[in-house]
Amino acid sequence: MAYLINKNTSEYCFLYAHHSFGRFQYSVDTLVNDLSVSKIHTIIEWLNDKWYIKDLSLNGTWLNHKRLAKDESEALSVGDKIYFAGNSDTTYVVKDLSAPADQLIKLDEQQNKTAESIKLKHYHLLPESQPDSAVIYQKETGQWLLESLEDSQHVNQEVLEDNSIISLGHDNWMFLSSHLEVTTQMSSVPQLYISDLDFIFNLSLDEETSALKIQHHINNKDYDLHVRCHHYLTLNLARYRAQDAKKGVLPANQGWVNTEQLVKDLGVDMRYLNIQIHRARKQFSEVLTNVHDAENIIERQLRKVRFAGSSFTIYKGCELESTSDVVRA
């Protein structure tokens, strides 16, 4: 996320995709408290993969001691100096011109913004070393959600708004959205669904290692998710679904298991279970980008989870252990 630094105060000014400067506090993104500055004085915006500055004012905007032509855009470069109405007492220096992105900005001990940031990409477990929170993008609403990994119910989700401050480990971070409007385009690749997937689990005889491959039966594409600890969780959820299928439980109700039962089955605590659930959901969402609601292959309700795949095969030590009724050839 691009940012400027106020040369006088050393404060960081992170840029939205369309960022305004001016004297009217409630109509601009950055307040410039000077009577010679217009209510909306200058804008900086992201256009055609570059950042541009435009003067809208009566008294002018200066870029590197040159007054900008009113209503004409000029490209910015790192190191440029910007000031308003000929008054260089408030000067902004361009320090970064990265593309707009939703970000978490680290705060210092005085709760001021720093240059350290985390660019958000749909699903994060944070802090990376010892995660205690999940930050998840909800495609349906366009919102970012914060969820504690200590929550056994999976229902306490906080919507992140601009300037929301959250604690991750021992540090505080501020959420800033990019305000970037992405043009919706018709994809040339058809949208696929979880029901279009075949899941093949390979478990070692000692149940120490679990591998997972996924096949698209429509486009014959294979996804190798390799060996991961969280595949053992997904495999055990598939076992619950297979057991329910044998009992004649309807597909819509198959496989639901209480998280407390899973904790006992796997011999872990609730926090570790939640980390594994989120790691599985994260990998599904990142790998299966063209599958609708791919993270919901691990589906959640109040205190319950289940494996939502309807077509699966489980091999243990290269021997067939179980298979779903709808597995495809």
C-alpha atoms as a PDB file:
ATOM      1  CA  MET A   1       0.000   0.000   0.000  1.00  0.00           C
ATOM      2  CA  ALA A   2       1.512   3.311  -1.073  1.00  0.00           C
ATOM      3  CA  TYR A   3       2.296   5.899   1.575  1.00  0.00           C
ATOM      4  CA  LEU A   4       3.631   9.400   2.109  1.00  0.00           C
ATOM      5  CA  ILE A   5       5.424  10.814   5.146  1.00  0.00           C
ATOM      6  CA  ASN A   6       4.612  14.202   6.627  1.00  0.00           C
ATOM      7  CA  LYS A   7       8.070  15.798   6.612  1.00  0.00           C
ATOM      8  CA  ASN A   8       7.273  17.919   9.674  1.00  0.00           C
ATOM      9  CA  THR A   9       5.589  15.373  11.934  1.00  0.00           C
ATOM     10  CA  SER A  10       7.078  12.118  10.509  1.00  0.00           C
ATOM     11  CA  GLU A  11       3.526  10.691  10.418  1.00  0.00           C
ATOM     12  CA  TYR A  12       2.683   8.043   7.830  1.00  0.00           C
ATOM     13  CA  CYS A  13      -0.104   8.765   5.344  1.00  0.00           C
ATOM     14  CA  PHE A  14      -1.256   5.533   3.665  1.00  0.00           C
ATOM     15  CA  LEU A  15      -3.084   6.105   0.389  1.00  0.00           C
ATOM     16  CA  TYR A  16      -6.497   4.811  -0.532  1.00  0.00           C
ATOM     17  CA  ALA A  17      -7.057   4.087  -4.243  1.00  0.00           C
ATOM     18  CA  HIS A  18      -8.738   7.525  -4.416  1.00  0.00           C
ATOM     19  CA  HIS A  19      -7.282   9.727  -1.680  1.00  0.00           C
ATOM     20  CA  SER A  20      -8.271  13.324  -1.008  1.00  0.00           C
ATOM     21  CA  PHE A  21      -6.507  16.125   0.904  1.00  0.00           C
ATOM     22  CA  GLY A  22      -8.180  19.290   2.141  1.00  0.00           C
ATOM     23  CA  ARG A  23      -9.465  21.507   4.920  1.00  0.00           C
ATOM     24  CA  PHE A  24     -12.965  20.042   5.312  1.00  0.00           C
ATOM     25  CA  GLN A  25     -12.514  17.309   7.895  1.00  0.00           C
ATOM     26  CA  TYR A  26     -15.606  15.262   7.018  1.00  0.00           C
ATOM     27  CA  SER A  27     -15.075  15.181   3.234  1.00  0.00           C
ATOM     28  CA  VAL A  28     -11.384  14.311   2.895  1.00  0.00           C
ATOM     29  CA  ASP A  29      -9.139  11.377   3.758  1.00  0.00           C
ATOM     30  CA  THR A  30      -6.276  13.547   5.027  1.00  0.00           C
ATOM     31  CA  LEU A  31      -6.932  16.829   6.813  1.00  0.00           C
ATOM     32  CA  VAL A  32      -4.686  19.805   5.983  1.00  0.00           C
ATOM     33  CA  ASN A  33      -5.512  22.414   8.610  1.00  0.00           C
ATOM     34  CA  ASP A  34      -4.682  25.638   6.779  1.00  0.00           C
ATOM     35  CA  LEU A  35      -7.105  28.455   5.840  1.00  0.00           C
ATOM     36  CA  SER A  36      -5.453  28.831   2.420  1.00  0.00           C
ATOM     37  CA  VAL A  37      -6.246  25.210   1.608  1.00  0.00           C
ATOM     38  CA  SER A  38      -9.527  24.401  -0.163  1.00  0.00           C
ATOM     39  CA  LYS A  39     -12.145  22.120   1.387  1.00  0.00           C
ATOM     40  CA  ILE A  40     -11.147  19.444  -1.120  1.00  0.00           C
ATOM     41  CA  HIS A  41      -7.765  20.607  -2.373  1.00  0.00           C
ATOM     42  CA  THR A  42      -5.897  17.708  -3.999  1.00  0.00           C
ATOM     43  CA  ILE A  43      -6.478  14.087  -4.884  1.00  0.00           C
ATOM     44  CA  ILE A  44      -4.046  11.241  -5.415  1.00  0.00           C
ATOM     45  CA  GLU A  45      -5.490   8.246  -7.242  1.00  0.00           C
ATOM     46  CA  TRP A  46      -4.514   4.886  -8.724  1.00  0.00           C
ATOM     47  CA  LEU A  47      -5.140   4.825 -12.490  1.00  0.00           C
ATOM     48  CA  ASN A  48      -3.836   2.386 -15.113  1.00  0.00           C
ATOM     49  CA  ASP A  49      -1.361   0.835 -12.649  1.00  0.00           C
ATOM     50  CA  LYS A  50       0.188   4.163 -11.624  1.00  0.00           C
ATOM     51  CA  TRP A  51      -0.355   6.808  -8.974  1.00  0.00           C
ATOM     52  CA  TYR A  52      -1.364  10.294 -10.165  1.00  0.00           C
ATOM     53  CA  ILE A  53      -1.839  13.595  -8.368  1.00  0.00           C
ATOM     54  CA  LYS A  54      -4.395  16.234  -9.404  1.00  0.00           C
ATOM     55  CA  ASP A  55      -4.978  19.770  -8.111  1.00  0.00           C
ATOM     56  CA  LEU A  56      -8.623  20.829  -7.550  1.00  0.00           C
ATOM     57  CA  SER A  57      -7.994  24.009  -5.581  1.00  0.00           C
ATOM     58  CA  LEU A  58      -8.033  27.780  -5.887  1.00  0.00           C
ATOM     59  CA  ASN A  59      -4.573  28.339  -4.411  1.00  0.00           C
ATOM     60  CA  GLY A  60      -2.706  25.482  -6.063  1.00  0.00           C
ATOM     61  CA  THR A  61      -0.752  22.314  -5.317  1.00  0.00           C
ATOM     62  CA  TRP A  62       3.015  22.085  -5.673  1.00  0.00           C
ATOM     63  CA  LEU A  63       4.973  19.023  -6.751  1.00  0.00           C
ATOM     64  CA  ASN A  64       8.743  19.434  -6.275  1.00  0.00           C
ATOM     65  CA  HIS A  65       8.429  23.265  -6.248  1.00  0.00           C
ATOM     66  CA  LYS A  66       6.386  23.242  -9.464  1.00  0.00           C
ATOM     67  CA  ARG A  67       2.760  24.299  -9.379  1.00  0.00           C
ATOM     68  CA  LEU A  68       0.456  21.733 -10.967  1.00  0.00           C
ATOM     69  CA  ALA A  69      -1.949  22.744 -13.721  1.00  0.00           C
ATOM     70  CA  LYS A  70      -5.440  22.663 -12.260  1.00  0.00           C
ATOM     71  CA  ASP A  71      -7.520  19.555 -13.027  1.00  0.00           C
ATOM     72  CA  GLU A  72      -4.613  17.890 -14.867  1.00  0.00           C
ATOM     73  CA  SER A  73      -3.101  14.660 -13.555  1.00  0.00           C
ATOM     74  CA  GLU A  74       0.631  14.110 -13.134  1.00  0.00           C
ATOM     75  CA  ALA A  75       2.360  10.815 -12.333  1.00  0.00           C
ATOM     76  CA  LEU A  76       4.112  10.498  -8.969  1.00  0.00           C
ATOM     77  CA  SER A  77       7.595   9.139  -8.304  1.00  0.00           C
ATOM     78  CA  VAL A  78       9.215   7.981  -5.079  1.00  0.00           C
ATOM     79  CA  GLY A  79      10.938  10.945  -3.456  1.00  0.00           C
ATOM     80  CA  ASP A  80       8.510  13.560  -4.796  1.00  0.00           C
ATOM     81  CA  LYS A  81       7.600  16.388  -2.400  1.00  0.00           C
ATOM     82  CA  ILE A  82       4.024  17.657  -2.221  1.00  0.00           C
ATOM     83  CA  TYR A  83       2.690  20.795  -0.527  1.00  0.00           C
ATOM     84  CA  PHE A  84      -0.432  22.915  -0.785  1.00  0.00           C
ATOM     85  CA  ALA A  85      -1.275  26.568  -1.533  1.00  0.00           C
ATOM     86  CA  GLY A  86       2.406  27.498  -1.773  1.00  0.00           C
ATOM     87  CA  ASN A  87       2.907  26.719   1.919  1.00  0.00           C
ATOM     88  CA  SER A  88       5.809  24.308   2.335  1.00  0.00           C
ATOM     89  CA  ASP A  89       5.321  24.166   6.120  1.00  0.00           C
ATOM     90  CA  THR A  90       3.188  21.036   5.519  1.00  0.00           C
ATOM     91  CA  THR A  91       5.172  18.918   3.085  1.00  0.00           C
ATOM     92  CA  TYR A  92       4.506  15.286   2.208  1.00  0.00           C
ATOM     93  CA  VAL A  93       7.278  13.102   0.798  1.00  0.00           C
ATOM     94  CA  VAL A  94       6.366  10.127  -1.410  1.00  0.00           C
ATOM     95  CA  LYS A  95       8.000   7.044   0.119  1.00  0.00           C
ATOM     96  CA  ASP A  96       6.195   4.076  -1.457  1.00  0.00           C
ATOM     97  CA  LEU A  97       4.107   3.655  -4.598  1.00  0.00           C
ATOM     98  CA  SER A  98       2.894   0.085  -4.246  1.00  0.00           C
ATOM     99  CA  ALA A  99      -0.482  -0.829  -5.726  1.00  0.00           C
ATOM    100  CA  PRO A 100      -3.532  -0.372  -3.472  1.00  0.00           C
ATOM    101  CA  ALA A 101      -4.217  -3.332  -1.196  1.00  0.00           C
ATOM    102  CA  ASP A 102      -6.127  -4.110   1.962  1.00  0.00           C
ATOM    103  CA  GLN A 103      -3.532  -4.082   4.729  1.00  0.00           C
ATOM    104  CA  LEU A 104      -2.773  -4.393   8.400  1.00  0.00           C
ATOM    105  CA  ILE A 105      -0.425  -1.608   9.508  1.00  0.00           C
ATOM    106  CA  LYS A 106       1.711  -2.198  12.583  1.00  0.00           C
ATOM    107  CA  LEU A 107       1.435   0.425  15.343  1.00  0.00           C
ATOM    108  CA  ASP A 108       4.281   1.477  17.626  1.00  0.00           C
ATOM    109  CA  GLU A 109       4.063   1.778  21.414  1.00  0.00           C
ATOM    110  CA  GLN A 110       2.436   5.219  21.071  1.00  0.00           C
ATOM    111  CA  GLN A 111      -0.147   3.714  18.673  1.00  0.00           C
ATOM    112  CA  ASN A 112       1.285   5.578  15.676  1.00  0.00           C
ATOM    113  CA  LYS A 113       1.448   3.929  12.255  1.00  0.00           C
ATOM    114  CA  THR A 114       4.735   2.417  11.133  1.00  0.00           C
ATOM    115  CA  ALA A 115       6.028   1.291   7.727  1.00  0.00           C
ATOM    116  CA  GLU A 116       5.603  -2.395   8.641  1.00  0.00           C
ATOM    117  CA  SER A 117       2.494  -3.904   7.080  1.00  0.00           C
ATOM    118  CA  ILE A 118       0.805  -7.179   6.120  1.00  0.00           C
ATOM    119  CA  LYS A 119      -0.789  -7.266   2.678  1.00  0.00           C
ATOM    120  CA  LEU A 120      -4.032  -9.211   3.033  1.00  0.00           C
ATOM    121  CA  LYS A 121      -4.828 -12.040   0.606  1.00  0.00           C
ATOM    122  CA  HIS A 122      -8.199 -13.559   1.540  1.00  0.00           C
ATOM    123  CA  TYR A 123      -7.111 -15.882   4.371  1.00  0.00           C
ATOM    124  CA  HIS A 124      -4.490 -15.366   7.072  1.00  0.00           C
ATOM    125  CA  LEU A 125      -3.500 -17.044  10.332  1.00  0.00           C
ATOM    126  CA  LEU A 126      -1.715 -14.439  12.438  1.00  0.00           C
ATOM    127  CA  PRO A 127       0.839 -14.017  13.880  1.00  0.00           C
ATOM    128  CA  GLU A 128       2.497 -16.562  11.587  1.00  0.00           C
ATOM    129  CA  SER A 129       4.818 -17.952  14.278  1.00  0.00           C
ATOM    130  CA  GLN A 130       2.107 -18.686  16.863  1.00  0.00           C
ATOM    131  CA  PRO A 131      -1.299 -17.836  15.369  1.00  0.00           C
ATOM    132  CA  ASP A 132      -4.079 -16.744  17.692  1.00  0.00           C
ATOM    133  CA  SER A 133      -6.402 -15.145  15.120  1.00  0.00           C
ATOM    134  CA  ALA A 134      -7.744 -15.710  11.625  1.00  0.00           C
ATOM    135  CA  VAL A 135      -8.337 -12.780   9.258  1.00  0.00           C
ATOM    136  CA  ILE A 136     -10.688 -13.881   6.489  1.00  0.00           C
ATOM    137  CA  TYR A 137     -12.170 -12.130   3.451  1.00  0.00           C
ATOM    138  CA  GLN A 138     -15.870 -12.835   2.939  1.00  0.00           C
ATOM    139  CA  LYS A 139     -16.527 -12.727  -0.814  1.00  0.00           C
ATOM    140  CA  GLU A 140     -20.314 -12.469  -0.494  1.00  0.00           C
ATOM    141  CA  THR A 141     -20.233  -9.239   1.534  1.00  0.00           C
ATOM    142  CA  GLY A 142     -16.815  -7.843   0.592  1.00  0.00           C
ATOM    143  CA  GLN A 143     -15.929  -7.644   4.298  1.00  0.00           C
ATOM    144  CA  TRP A 144     -12.899  -8.719   6.284  1.00  0.00           C
ATOM    145  CA  LEU A 145     -13.634 -10.776   9.408  1.00  0.00           C
ATOM    146  CA  LEU A 146     -11.490 -11.345  12.487  1.00  0.00           C
ATOM    147  CA  GLU A 147     -11.946 -14.638  14.332  1.00  0.00           C
ATOM    148  CA  SER A 148     -10.218 -15.838  17.492  1.00  0.00           C
ATOM    149  CA  LEU A 149      -8.632 -19.283  17.374  1.00  0.00           C
ATOM    150  CA  GLU A 150      -9.636 -19.703  21.019  1.00  0.00           C
ATOM    151  CA  ASP A 151     -13.321 -19.683  20.015  1.00  0.00           C
ATOM    152  CA  SER A 152     -14.790 -23.187  20.109  1.00  0.00           C
ATOM    153  CA  GLN A 153     -18.108 -22.053  18.631  1.00  0.00           C
ATOM    154  CA  HIS A 154     -16.870 -20.418  15.384  1.00  0.00           C
ATOM    155  CA  VAL A 155     -19.458 -17.658  15.732  1.00  0.00           C
ATOM    156  CA  ASN A 156     -17.610 -14.702  17.297  1.00  0.00           C
ATOM    157  CA  GLN A 157     -16.476 -12.897  14.157  1.00  0.00           C
ATOM    158  CA  GLU A 158     -15.643  -9.190  14.216  1.00  0.00           C
ATOM    159  CA  VAL A 159     -16.120  -7.157  11.036  1.00  0.00           C
ATOM    160  CA  LEU A 160     -13.010  -5.076  10.349  1.00  0.00           C
ATOM    161  CA  GLU A 161     -13.718  -1.466   9.433  1.00  0.00           C
ATOM    162  CA  ASP A 162     -11.190   1.155   8.355  1.00  0.00           C
ATOM    163  CA  ASN A 163      -8.933   2.105  11.282  1.00  0.00           C
ATOM    164  CA  SER A 164     -10.037  -0.896  13.370  1.00  0.00           C
ATOM    165  CA  ILE A 165      -7.222  -1.782  15.775  1.00  0.00           C
ATOM    166  CA  ILE A 166      -6.607  -5.447  16.537  1.00  0.00           C
ATOM    167  CA  SER A 167      -4.093  -7.247  18.743  1.00  0.00           C
ATOM    168  CA  LEU A 168      -1.967  -9.994  17.198  1.00  0.00           C
ATOM    169  CA  GLY A 169       0.437 -11.587  19.642  1.00  0.00           C
ATOM    170  CA  HIS A 170       2.081  -8.745  21.543  1.00  0.00           C
ATOM    171  CA  ASP A 171       1.519  -6.096  18.843  1.00  0.00           C
ATOM    172  CA  ASN A 172      -1.328  -3.843  17.748  1.00  0.00           C
ATOM    173  CA  TRP A 173      -2.230  -3.464  14.080  1.00  0.00           C
ATOM    174  CA  MET A 174      -4.597  -1.108  12.244  1.00  0.00           C
ATOM    175  CA  PHE A 175      -6.782  -2.344   9.401  1.00  0.00           C
ATOM    176  CA  LEU A 176      -6.897  -0.154   6.286  1.00  0.00           C
ATOM    177  CA  SER A 177      -8.855  -1.082   3.183  1.00  0.00           C
ATOM    178  CA  SER A 178      -7.677  -0.012  -0.248  1.00  0.00           C
ATOM    179  CA  HIS A 179     -11.072   1.409  -1.351  1.00  0.00           C
ATOM    180  CA  LEU A 180     -10.186  -0.078  -4.716  1.00  0.00           C
ATOM    181  CA  GLU A 181     -13.202  -0.820  -6.877  1.00  0.00           C
ATOM    182  CA  VAL A 182     -12.492  -3.934  -8.932  1.00  0.00           C
ATOM    183  CA  THR A 183     -14.401  -4.147 -12.189  1.00  0.00           C
ATOM    184  CA  THR A 184     -16.365  -7.383 -12.327  1.00  0.00           C
ATOM    185  CA  GLN A 185     -15.587  -9.363 -15.452  1.00  0.00           C
ATOM    186  CA  MET A 186     -17.185 -12.513 -16.806  1.00  0.00           C
ATOM    187  CA  SER A 187     -14.736 -15.323 -16.285  1.00  0.00           C
ATOM    188  CA  SER A 188     -13.943 -17.500 -19.289  1.00  0.00           C
ATOM    189  CA  VAL A 189     -13.509 -20.419 -16.887  1.00  0.00           C
ATOM    190  CA  PRO A 190     -16.802 -21.856 -15.567  1.00  0.00           C
ATOM    191  CA  GLN A 191     -17.527 -21.587 -11.841  1.00  0.00           C
ATOM    192  CA  LEU A 192     -17.255 -24.992 -10.193  1.00  0.00           C
ATOM    193  CA  TYR A 193     -18.689 -26.346  -6.967  1.00  0.00           C
ATOM    194  CA  ILE A 194     -17.581 -28.615  -4.130  1.00  0.00           C
ATOM    195  CA  SER A 195     -19.860 -31.336  -5.519  1.00  0.00           C
ATOM    196  CA  ASP A 196     -17.701 -31.362  -8.695  1.00  0.00           C
ATOM    197  CA  LEU A 197     -14.636 -32.518  -6.743  1.00  0.00           C
ATOM    198  CA  ASP A 198     -13.296 -35.991  -5.970  1.00  0.00           C
ATOM    199  CA  PHE A 199     -11.077 -36.258  -2.882  1.00  0.00           C
ATOM    200  CA  ILE A 200      -8.424 -38.983  -2.597  1.00  0.00           C
ATOM    201  CA  PHE A 201      -6.829 -39.412   0.840  1.00  0.00           C
ATOM    202  CA  ASN A 202      -3.674 -41.469   1.387  1.00  0.00           C
ATOM    203  CA  LEU A 203      -2.915 -42.316   5.005  1.00  0.00           C
ATOM    204  CA  SER A 204       0.129 -44.176   6.293  1.00  0.00           C
ATOM    205  CA  LEU A 205      -0.432 -47.398   8.252  1.00  0.00           C
ATOM    206  CA  ASP A 206       0.689 -45.732  11.493  1.00  0.00           C
ATOM    207  CA  GLU A 207      -1.574 -42.744  10.688  1.00  0.00           C
ATOM    208  CA  GLU A 208       1.387 -40.381  11.067  1.00  0.00           C
ATOM    209  CA  THR A 209       1.233 -38.861   7.575  1.00  0.00           C
ATOM    210  CA  SER A 210      -1.757 -37.847   5.453  1.00  0.00           C
ATOM    211  CA  ALA A 211      -1.720 -36.777   1.816  1.00  0.00           C
ATOM    212  CA  LEU A 212      -4.586 -35.399  -0.229  1.00  0.00           C
ATOM    213  CA  LYS A 213      -5.245 -35.104  -3.943  1.00  0.00           C
ATOM    214  CA  ILE A 214      -8.313 -33.499  -5.478  1.00  0.00           C
ATOM    215  CA  GLN A 215      -9.672 -34.157  -8.952  1.00  0.00           C
ATOM    216  CA  HIS A 216     -12.072 -32.062 -10.998  1.00  0.00           C
ATOM    217  CA  HIS A 217     -14.222 -34.547 -12.815  1.00  0.00           C
ATOM    218  CA  ILE A 218     -15.457 -31.805 -15.183  1.00  0.00           C
ATOM    219  CA  ASN A 219     -12.142 -30.472 -16.511  1.00  0.00           C
ATOM    220  CA  ASN A 220     -10.022 -33.502 -15.503  1.00  0.00           C
ATOM    221  CA  LYS A 221      -7.644 -31.308 -13.558  1.00  0.00           C
ATOM    222  CA  ASP A 222      -5.739 -32.715 -10.574  1.00  0.00           C
ATOM    223  CA  TYR A 223      -4.618 -30.767  -7.500  1.00  0.00           C
ATOM    224  CA  ASP A 224      -1.905 -32.260  -5.303  1.00  0.00           C
ATOM    225  CA  LEU A 225      -2.173 -30.815  -1.800  1.00  0.00           C
ATOM    226  CA  HIS A 226       0.760 -32.988  -0.664  1.00  0.00           C
ATOM    227  CA  VAL A 227       1.322 -34.157   2.919  1.00  0.00           C
ATOM    228  CA  ARG A 228      -0.015 -31.787   5.565  1.00  0.00           C
ATOM    229  CA  CYS A 229      -0.915 -32.204   9.245  1.00  0.00           C
ATOM    230  CA  HIS A 230      -4.358 -30.708   8.697  1.00  0.00           C
ATOM    231  CA  HIS A 231      -5.238 -33.397   6.105  1.00  0.00           C
ATOM    232  CA  TYR A 232      -5.579 -35.842   9.007  1.00  0.00           C
ATOM    233  CA  LEU A 233      -8.377 -33.670  10.399  1.00  0.00           C
ATOM    234  CA  THR A 234     -10.119 -33.547   6.995  1.00  0.00           C
ATOM    235  CA  LEU A 235      -9.695 -37.310   6.588  1.00  0.00           C
ATOM    236  CA  ASN A 236     -11.284 -38.004   9.976  1.00  0.00           C
ATOM    237  CA  LEU A 237     -14.196 -35.754   9.096  1.00  0.00           C
ATOM    238  CA  ALA A 238     -14.583 -37.780   5.870  1.00  0.00           C
ATOM    239  CA  ARG A 239     -14.658 -40.945   8.015  1.00  0.00           C
ATOM    240  CA  TYR A 240     -17.552 -39.490  10.027  1.00  0.00           C
ATOM    241  CA  ARG A 241     -19.372 -38.735   6.796  1.00  0.00           C
ATOM    242  CA  ALA A 242     -18.805 -42.286   5.524  1.00  0.00           C
ATOM    243  CA  GLN A 243     -20.169 -43.713   8.789  1.00  0.00           C
ATOM    244  CA  ASP A 244     -23.316 -41.583   8.525  1.00  0.00           C
ATOM    245  CA  ALA A 245     -23.803 -42.636   4.903  1.00  0.00           C
ATOM    246  CA  LYS A 246     -23.754 -46.307   5.962  1.00  0.00           C
ATOM    247  CA  LYS A 247     -26.410 -45.530   8.582  1.00  0.00           C
ATOM    248  CA  GLY A 248     -28.654 -44.050   5.903  1.00  0.00           C
ATOM    249  CA  VAL A 249     -28.357 -40.437   7.080  1.00  0.00           C
ATOM    250  CA  LEU A 250     -29.418 -37.984   4.395  1.00  0.00           C
ATOM    251  CA  PRO A 251     -26.456 -36.331   2.559  1.00  0.00           C
ATOM    252  CA  ALA A 252     -27.373 -32.861   3.848  1.00  0.00           C
ATOM    253  CA  ASN A 253     -26.993 -34.122   7.427  1.00  0.00           C
ATOM    254  CA  GLN A 254     -23.997 -36.422   7.003  1.00  0.00           C
ATOM    255  CA  GLY A 255     -20.711 -35.906   8.813  1.00  0.00           C
ATOM    256  CA  TRP A 256     -21.518 -33.291  11.415  1.00  0.00           C
ATOM    257  CA  VAL A 257     -19.371 -33.826  14.505  1.00  0.00           C
ATOM    258  CA  ASN A 258     -19.085 -31.843  17.730  1.00  0.00           C
ATOM    259  CA  THR A 259     -15.744 -30.043  18.129  1.00  0.00           C
ATOM    260  CA  GLU A 260     -15.444 -31.412  21.675  1.00  0.00           C
ATOM    261  CA  GLN A 261     -15.630 -34.934  20.234  1.00  0.00           C
ATOM    262  CA  LEU A 262     -12.938 -34.106  17.681  1.00  0.00           C
ATOM    263  CA  VAL A 263     -10.674 -32.819  20.451  1.00  0.00           C
ATOM    264  CA  LYS A 264     -11.000 -36.210  22.159  1.00  0.00           C
ATOM    265  CA  ASP A 265     -10.585 -38.199  18.931  1.00  0.00           C
ATOM    266  CA  LEU A 266      -7.430 -36.388  17.856  1.00  0.00           C
ATOM    267  CA  GLY A 267      -5.937 -35.977  21.333  1.00  0.00           C
ATOM    268  CA  VAL A 268      -5.404 -32.206  20.954  1.00  0.00           C
ATOM    269  CA  ASP A 269      -6.696 -29.070  22.647  1.00  0.00           C
ATOM    270  CA  MET A 270      -9.353 -26.761  21.195  1.00  0.00           C
ATOM    271  CA  ARG A 271      -6.881 -24.098  20.072  1.00  0.00           C
ATOM    272  CA  TYR A 272      -4.821 -26.615  18.089  1.00  0.00           C
ATOM    273  CA  LEU A 273      -7.993 -28.024  16.524  1.00  0.00           C
ATOM    274  CA  ASN A 274      -9.073 -24.548  15.439  1.00  0.00           C
ATOM    275  CA  ILE A 275      -5.659 -23.890  13.883  1.00  0.00           C
ATOM    276  CA  GLN A 276      -5.943 -27.121  11.873  1.00  0.00           C
ATOM    277  CA  ILE A 277      -9.491 -26.239  10.757  1.00  0.00           C
ATOM    278  CA  HIS A 278      -8.353 -22.817   9.552  1.00  0.00           C
ATOM    279  CA  ARG A 279      -5.219 -24.169   7.865  1.00  0.00           C
ATOM    280  CA  ALA A 280      -7.334 -26.649   5.922  1.00  0.00           C
ATOM    281  CA  ARG A 281      -9.855 -23.975   4.928  1.00  0.00           C
ATOM    282  CA  LYS A 282      -7.038 -21.613   3.960  1.00  0.00           C
ATOM    283  CA  GLN A 283      -5.349 -24.155   1.689  1.00  0.00           C
ATOM    284  CA  PHE A 284      -8.621 -25.068  -0.011  1.00  0.00           C
ATOM    285  CA  SER A 285      -9.414 -21.394  -0.706  1.00  0.00           C
ATOM    286  CA  GLU A 286      -5.918 -20.709  -2.072  1.00  0.00           C
ATOM    287  CA  VAL A 287      -5.634 -23.805  -4.276  1.00  0.00           C
ATOM    288  CA  LEU A 288      -9.207 -24.126  -5.541  1.00  0.00           C
ATOM    289  CA  THR A 289      -9.610 -20.530  -6.698  1.00  0.00           C
ATOM    290  CA  ASN A 290     -12.348 -21.372  -9.216  1.00  0.00           C
ATOM    291  CA  VAL A 291     -14.470 -23.394  -6.801  1.00  0.00           C
ATOM    292  CA  HIS A 292     -17.371 -21.584  -5.189  1.00  0.00           C
ATOM    293  CA  ASP A 293     -16.991 -21.438  -1.376  1.00  0.00           C
ATOM    294  CA  ALA A 294     -13.892 -23.659  -1.482  1.00  0.00           C
ATOM    295  CA  GLU A 295     -13.069 -22.870   2.171  1.00  0.00           C
ATOM    296  CA  ASN A 296     -16.383 -24.473   3.120  1.00  0.00           C
ATOM    297  CA  ILE A 297     -15.054 -27.902   2.208  1.00  0.00           C
ATOM    298  CA  ILE A 298     -14.609 -27.749   5.976  1.00  0.00           C
ATOM    299  CA  GLU A 299     -18.103 -26.543   6.850  1.00  0.00           C
ATOM    300  CA  ARG A 300     -18.907 -25.032  10.237  1.00  0.00           C
ATOM    301  CA  GLN A 301     -21.905 -24.541  12.491  1.00  0.00           C
ATOM    302  CA  LEU A 302     -22.232 -23.711  16.173  1.00  0.00           C
ATOM    303  CA  ARG A 303     -19.750 -26.060  17.917  1.00  0.00           C
ATOM    304  CA  LYS A 304     -19.851 -28.438  14.943  1.00  0.00           C
ATOM    305  CA  VAL A 305     -17.848 -29.042  11.780  1.00  0.00           C
ATOM    306  CA  ARG A 306     -18.059 -31.464   8.877  1.00  0.00           C
ATOM    307  CA  PHE A 307     -16.380 -32.431   5.620  1.00  0.00           C
ATOM    308  CA  ALA A 308     -18.607 -31.118   2.816  1.00  0.00           C
ATOM    309  CA  GLY A 309     -17.150 -33.205  -0.012  1.00  0.00           C
ATOM    310  CA  SER A 310     -19.603 -35.816  -1.289  1.00  0.00           C
ATOM    311  CA  SER A 311     -17.176 -37.867  -3.407  1.00  0.00           C
ATOM    312  CA  PHE A 312     -14.113 -39.248  -1.620  1.00  0.00           C
ATOM    313  CA  THR A 313     -11.872 -42.282  -1.254  1.00  0.00           C
ATOM    314  CA  ILE A 314      -9.621 -43.119   1.700  1.00  0.00           C
ATOM    315  CA  TYR A 315      -6.567 -45.367   1.341  1.00  0.00           C
ATOM    316  CA  LYS A 316      -4.643 -46.546   4.389  1.00  0.00           C
ATOM    317  CA  GLY A 317      -1.249 -48.052   3.702  1.00  0.00           C
ATOM    318  CA  CYS A 318      -2.228 -48.300  -0.006  1.00  0.00           C
ATOM    319  CA  GLU A 319      -5.268 -50.419   0.937  1.00  0.00           C
ATOM    320  CA  LEU A 320      -8.783 -49.132   0.337  1.00  0.00           C
ATOM    321  CA  GLU A 321     -10.333 -48.194   3.691  1.00  0.00           C
ATOM    322  CA  SER A 322     -13.587 -46.568   2.614  1.00  0.00           C
ATOM    323  CA  THR A 323     -15.253 -44.729  -0.215  1.00  0.00           C
ATOM    324  CA  SER A 324     -18.343 -42.604  -0.633  1.00  0.00           C
ATOM    325  CA  ASP A 325     -21.382 -43.875  -2.486  1.00  0.00           C
ATOM    326  CA  VAL A 326     -21.038 -41.190  -5.167  1.00  0.00           C
ATOM    327  CA  VAL A 327     -17.364 -41.663  -6.011  1.00  0.00           C
ATOM    328  CA  ARG A 328     -16.858 -41.341  -9.777  1.00  0.00           C
ATOM    329  CA  ALA A 329     -14.796 -43.564 -12.037  1.00  0.00           C
END
